[in-house]
Amino acid sequence: MFSKKGALALLTATLSLAWLVGFSAARAQQTAPNPGTKSAAPTPTPTPDDEVIKVDTDVVNVLFTAQDHNRRLLTDLKQADVKILENGMQY
């Protein structure tokens, strides 16, 4: 079916492909760095050229889900059923 030279070329190509696939899979399975660990470089201090933006607002969207004790979603809440606190104070 194949000559010795063709069989050797096919075997070489197959092994090369298997190595490349294995190498790619190994790189994909490497663990990501733990976000809890600190990086070696400290956070740079702001320079006087950095612009500070302050915004005052009266309206903020607050997205949430509510569940009962059986973890079923509550879909019929009214505004009077919800209380939002900021630093322990209701506004």
N, C-alpha and C. Protein backbone atom coordinates (compact mmCIF):
# COMPACT_ATOMS: atom_id res chain seq x y z
N MET A 1 0.82 -1.18 0.00
CA MET A 1 0.00 0.00 0.00
C MET A 1 0.87 1.26 0.00
N PHE A 2 1.75 1.41 1.00
CA PHE A 2 2.72 2.51 1.04
C PHE A 2 4.11 1.94 0.86
N SER A 3 4.96 2.73 0.23
CA SER A 3 6.36 2.33 0.18
C SER A 3 6.98 2.61 1.55
N LYS A 4 8.16 2.11 1.81
CA LYS A 4 8.82 2.34 3.10
C LYS A 4 9.01 3.83 3.34
N LYS A 5 9.38 4.53 2.28
CA LYS A 5 9.60 5.97 2.40
C LYS A 5 8.28 6.69 2.70
N GLY A 6 7.21 6.30 2.02
CA GLY A 6 5.89 6.92 2.25
C GLY A 6 5.35 6.60 3.64
N ALA A 7 5.56 5.34 4.08
CA ALA A 7 5.10 4.95 5.41
C ALA A 7 5.86 5.72 6.48
N LEU A 8 7.16 5.90 6.29
CA LEU A 8 7.97 6.65 7.24
C LEU A 8 7.53 8.11 7.29
N ALA A 9 7.24 8.69 6.13
CA ALA A 9 6.78 10.07 6.08
C ALA A 9 5.42 10.21 6.77
N LEU A 10 4.52 9.24 6.54
CA LEU A 10 3.21 9.27 7.18
C LEU A 10 3.33 9.11 8.69
N LEU A 11 4.21 8.22 9.13
CA LEU A 11 4.43 8.02 10.57
C LEU A 11 5.01 9.28 11.20
N THR A 12 5.96 9.90 10.53
CA THR A 12 6.57 11.13 11.04
C THR A 12 5.53 12.24 11.14
N ALA A 13 4.70 12.39 10.12
CA ALA A 13 3.67 13.42 10.14
C ALA A 13 2.65 13.16 11.24
N THR A 14 2.28 11.89 11.43
CA THR A 14 1.31 11.54 12.48
C THR A 14 1.88 11.83 13.86
N LEU A 15 3.13 11.44 14.09
CA LEU A 15 3.76 11.70 15.39
C LEU A 15 3.93 13.20 15.64
N SER A 16 4.27 13.94 14.60
CA SER A 16 4.41 15.39 14.76
C SER A 16 3.08 16.03 15.11
N LEU A 17 2.03 15.59 14.43
CA LEU A 17 0.69 16.12 14.72
C LEU A 17 0.26 15.77 16.14
N ALA A 18 0.52 14.54 16.57
CA ALA A 18 0.18 14.11 17.93
C ALA A 18 0.95 14.94 18.95
N TRP A 19 2.22 15.23 18.68
CA TRP A 19 3.02 16.04 19.59
C TRP A 19 2.47 17.45 19.68
N LEU A 20 2.11 18.03 18.53
CA LEU A 20 1.56 19.40 18.53
C LEU A 20 0.24 19.46 19.28
N VAL A 21 -0.63 18.49 19.07
CA VAL A 21 -1.92 18.47 19.77
C VAL A 21 -1.69 18.30 21.27
N GLY A 22 -0.79 17.40 21.65
CA GLY A 22 -0.49 17.19 23.06
C GLY A 22 0.12 18.42 23.69
N PHE A 23 0.99 19.11 22.99
CA PHE A 23 1.60 20.33 23.50
C PHE A 23 0.55 21.42 23.67
N SER A 24 -0.36 21.56 22.72
CA SER A 24 -1.42 22.56 22.82
C SER A 24 -2.33 22.26 24.00
N ALA A 25 -2.68 21.00 24.20
CA ALA A 25 -3.55 20.62 25.32
C ALA A 25 -2.85 20.87 26.65
N ALA A 26 -1.56 20.60 26.72
CA ALA A 26 -0.82 20.83 27.96
C ALA A 26 -0.78 22.31 28.30
N ARG A 27 -0.60 23.16 27.31
CA ARG A 27 -0.57 24.61 27.56
C ARG A 27 -1.94 25.10 27.98
N ALA A 28 -3.01 24.53 27.42
CA ALA A 28 -4.36 24.97 27.76
C ALA A 28 -4.74 24.56 29.17
N GLN A 29 -4.11 23.50 29.70
CA GLN A 29 -4.45 23.01 31.03
C GLN A 29 -3.60 23.63 32.13
N GLN A 30 -2.68 24.50 31.80
CA GLN A 30 -1.88 25.14 32.83
C GLN A 30 -2.78 25.96 33.72
N THR A 31 -2.49 25.96 35.00
CA THR A 31 -3.33 26.69 35.93
C THR A 31 -3.08 28.18 35.82
N ALA A 32 -4.16 28.94 35.94
CA ALA A 32 -4.05 30.39 35.91
C ALA A 32 -3.50 30.85 37.25
N PRO A 33 -2.83 31.99 37.28
CA PRO A 33 -2.32 32.49 38.55
C PRO A 33 -3.48 32.78 39.50
N ASN A 34 -3.24 32.54 40.77
CA ASN A 34 -4.26 32.76 41.79
C ASN A 34 -4.49 34.26 41.96
N PRO A 35 -5.74 34.73 41.76
CA PRO A 35 -5.98 36.17 41.88
C PRO A 35 -5.76 36.68 43.29
N GLY A 36 -5.72 35.78 44.28
CA GLY A 36 -5.51 36.20 45.66
C GLY A 36 -4.06 36.53 45.97
N THR A 37 -3.13 36.08 45.11
CA THR A 37 -1.73 36.36 45.36
C THR A 37 -1.39 37.74 44.82
N LYS A 38 -0.46 38.37 45.49
CA LYS A 38 -0.06 39.72 45.07
C LYS A 38 0.98 39.62 43.97
N SER A 39 0.91 40.55 43.04
CA SER A 39 1.89 40.58 41.97
C SER A 39 3.18 41.20 42.49
N ALA A 40 4.26 40.95 41.78
CA ALA A 40 5.56 41.44 42.21
C ALA A 40 5.66 42.95 42.09
N ALA A 41 4.98 43.53 41.08
CA ALA A 41 5.07 44.96 40.86
C ALA A 41 4.01 45.68 41.70
N PRO A 42 4.41 46.69 42.48
CA PRO A 42 3.41 47.44 43.26
C PRO A 42 2.57 48.33 42.35
N THR A 43 1.41 48.71 42.84
CA THR A 43 0.54 49.62 42.09
C THR A 43 1.21 50.99 42.02
N PRO A 44 1.32 51.55 40.82
CA PRO A 44 1.99 52.85 40.72
C PRO A 44 1.15 53.95 41.38
N THR A 45 1.84 54.91 41.95
CA THR A 45 1.13 56.05 42.56
C THR A 45 0.69 56.99 41.46
N PRO A 46 -0.48 57.62 41.62
CA PRO A 46 -0.96 58.54 40.59
C PRO A 46 -0.05 59.76 40.48
N THR A 47 0.12 60.21 39.27
CA THR A 47 0.92 61.41 39.03
C THR A 47 -0.01 62.62 39.00
N PRO A 48 0.54 63.81 39.15
CA PRO A 48 -0.31 65.01 39.11
C PRO A 48 -1.06 65.17 37.79
N ASP A 49 -0.57 64.53 36.73
CA ASP A 49 -1.24 64.63 35.43
C ASP A 49 -2.49 63.77 35.35
N ASP A 50 -2.65 62.79 36.28
CA ASP A 50 -3.84 61.93 36.26
C ASP A 50 -5.06 62.74 36.61
N GLU A 51 -6.14 62.53 35.85
CA GLU A 51 -7.38 63.26 36.06
C GLU A 51 -8.30 62.48 36.98
N VAL A 52 -8.85 63.15 37.98
CA VAL A 52 -9.80 62.54 38.90
C VAL A 52 -11.20 62.95 38.46
N ILE A 53 -12.08 61.96 38.33
CA ILE A 53 -13.45 62.23 37.93
C ILE A 53 -14.36 61.92 39.10
N LYS A 54 -15.14 62.90 39.53
CA LYS A 54 -16.12 62.70 40.59
C LYS A 54 -17.50 62.95 40.00
N VAL A 55 -18.44 62.07 40.34
CA VAL A 55 -19.79 62.16 39.79
C VAL A 55 -20.79 62.09 40.93
N ASP A 56 -21.71 63.02 40.99
CA ASP A 56 -22.83 62.97 41.93
C ASP A 56 -24.06 62.54 41.16
N THR A 57 -24.83 61.63 41.73
CA THR A 57 -26.02 61.14 41.05
C THR A 57 -27.13 60.91 42.05
N ASP A 58 -28.35 61.02 41.60
CA ASP A 58 -29.51 60.77 42.43
C ASP A 58 -30.16 59.43 42.10
N VAL A 59 -29.79 58.82 40.98
CA VAL A 59 -30.42 57.58 40.54
C VAL A 59 -29.33 56.55 40.24
N VAL A 60 -29.53 55.35 40.77
CA VAL A 60 -28.62 54.24 40.50
C VAL A 60 -29.47 53.00 40.25
N ASN A 61 -29.18 52.28 39.17
CA ASN A 61 -29.89 51.02 38.91
C ASN A 61 -29.32 49.94 39.80
N VAL A 62 -30.19 49.22 40.48
CA VAL A 62 -29.79 48.11 41.34
C VAL A 62 -30.50 46.87 40.83
N LEU A 63 -29.73 45.93 40.27
CA LEU A 63 -30.29 44.69 39.76
C LEU A 63 -30.14 43.61 40.82
N PHE A 64 -31.20 42.83 41.05
CA PHE A 64 -31.15 41.78 42.05
C PHE A 64 -32.16 40.70 41.72
N THR A 65 -32.03 39.57 42.36
CA THR A 65 -33.03 38.52 42.29
C THR A 65 -33.46 38.20 43.71
N ALA A 66 -34.72 37.83 43.87
CA ALA A 66 -35.25 37.47 45.19
C ALA A 66 -35.80 36.06 45.11
N GLN A 67 -35.54 35.27 46.17
CA GLN A 67 -35.98 33.89 46.21
C GLN A 67 -36.69 33.63 47.53
N ASP A 68 -37.62 32.67 47.50
CA ASP A 68 -38.25 32.25 48.76
C ASP A 68 -37.39 31.19 49.42
N HIS A 69 -37.85 30.64 50.53
CA HIS A 69 -37.04 29.67 51.27
C HIS A 69 -36.83 28.37 50.50
N ASN A 70 -37.59 28.12 49.45
CA ASN A 70 -37.39 26.94 48.59
C ASN A 70 -36.59 27.28 47.34
N ARG A 71 -35.96 28.45 47.33
CA ARG A 71 -35.11 28.94 46.24
C ARG A 71 -35.88 29.15 44.94
N ARG A 72 -37.19 29.40 45.05
CA ARG A 72 -37.99 29.75 43.87
C ARG A 72 -37.93 31.26 43.70
N LEU A 73 -37.82 31.71 42.45
CA LEU A 73 -37.75 33.14 42.19
C LEU A 73 -39.06 33.82 42.53
N LEU A 74 -38.96 34.99 43.16
CA LEU A 74 -40.13 35.80 43.44
C LEU A 74 -40.27 36.82 42.31
N THR A 75 -41.33 36.70 41.56
CA THR A 75 -41.49 37.54 40.37
C THR A 75 -42.58 38.58 40.53
N ASP A 76 -43.27 38.59 41.68
CA ASP A 76 -44.39 39.52 41.84
C ASP A 76 -44.14 40.56 42.93
N LEU A 77 -42.87 40.96 43.11
CA LEU A 77 -42.54 41.97 44.11
C LEU A 77 -43.02 43.35 43.66
N LYS A 78 -43.46 44.11 44.62
CA LYS A 78 -43.86 45.52 44.39
C LYS A 78 -42.76 46.40 44.97
N GLN A 79 -42.78 47.67 44.63
CA GLN A 79 -41.78 48.61 45.13
C GLN A 79 -41.80 48.66 46.66
N ALA A 80 -42.99 48.56 47.25
CA ALA A 80 -43.11 48.61 48.71
C ALA A 80 -42.52 47.36 49.38
N ASP A 81 -42.31 46.28 48.62
CA ASP A 81 -41.74 45.05 49.17
C ASP A 81 -40.22 45.09 49.28
N VAL A 82 -39.60 46.09 48.68
CA VAL A 82 -38.14 46.15 48.59
C VAL A 82 -37.63 47.34 49.39
N LYS A 83 -36.56 47.12 50.15
CA LYS A 83 -35.92 48.19 50.92
C LYS A 83 -34.44 48.15 50.59
N ILE A 84 -33.87 49.26 50.18
CA ILE A 84 -32.45 49.34 49.83
C ILE A 84 -31.78 50.26 50.84
N LEU A 85 -30.70 49.76 51.43
CA LEU A 85 -29.94 50.51 52.43
C LEU A 85 -28.56 50.85 51.88
N GLU A 86 -28.06 51.99 52.28
CA GLU A 86 -26.68 52.37 51.99
C GLU A 86 -26.04 52.73 53.31
N ASN A 87 -25.02 51.97 53.68
CA ASN A 87 -24.36 52.14 54.97
C ASN A 87 -25.35 52.09 56.12
N GLY A 88 -26.33 51.21 56.01
CA GLY A 88 -27.31 51.03 57.06
C GLY A 88 -28.42 52.06 57.07
N MET A 89 -28.41 52.98 56.16
CA MET A 89 -29.41 54.06 56.10
C MET A 89 -30.32 53.83 54.90
N GLN A 90 -31.64 54.00 55.12
CA GLN A 90 -32.59 53.89 54.01
C GLN A 90 -32.87 55.28 53.47
N TYR A 91 -32.85 55.42 52.16
CA TYR A 91 -33.10 56.72 51.53
C TYR A 91 -34.38 56.69 50.75
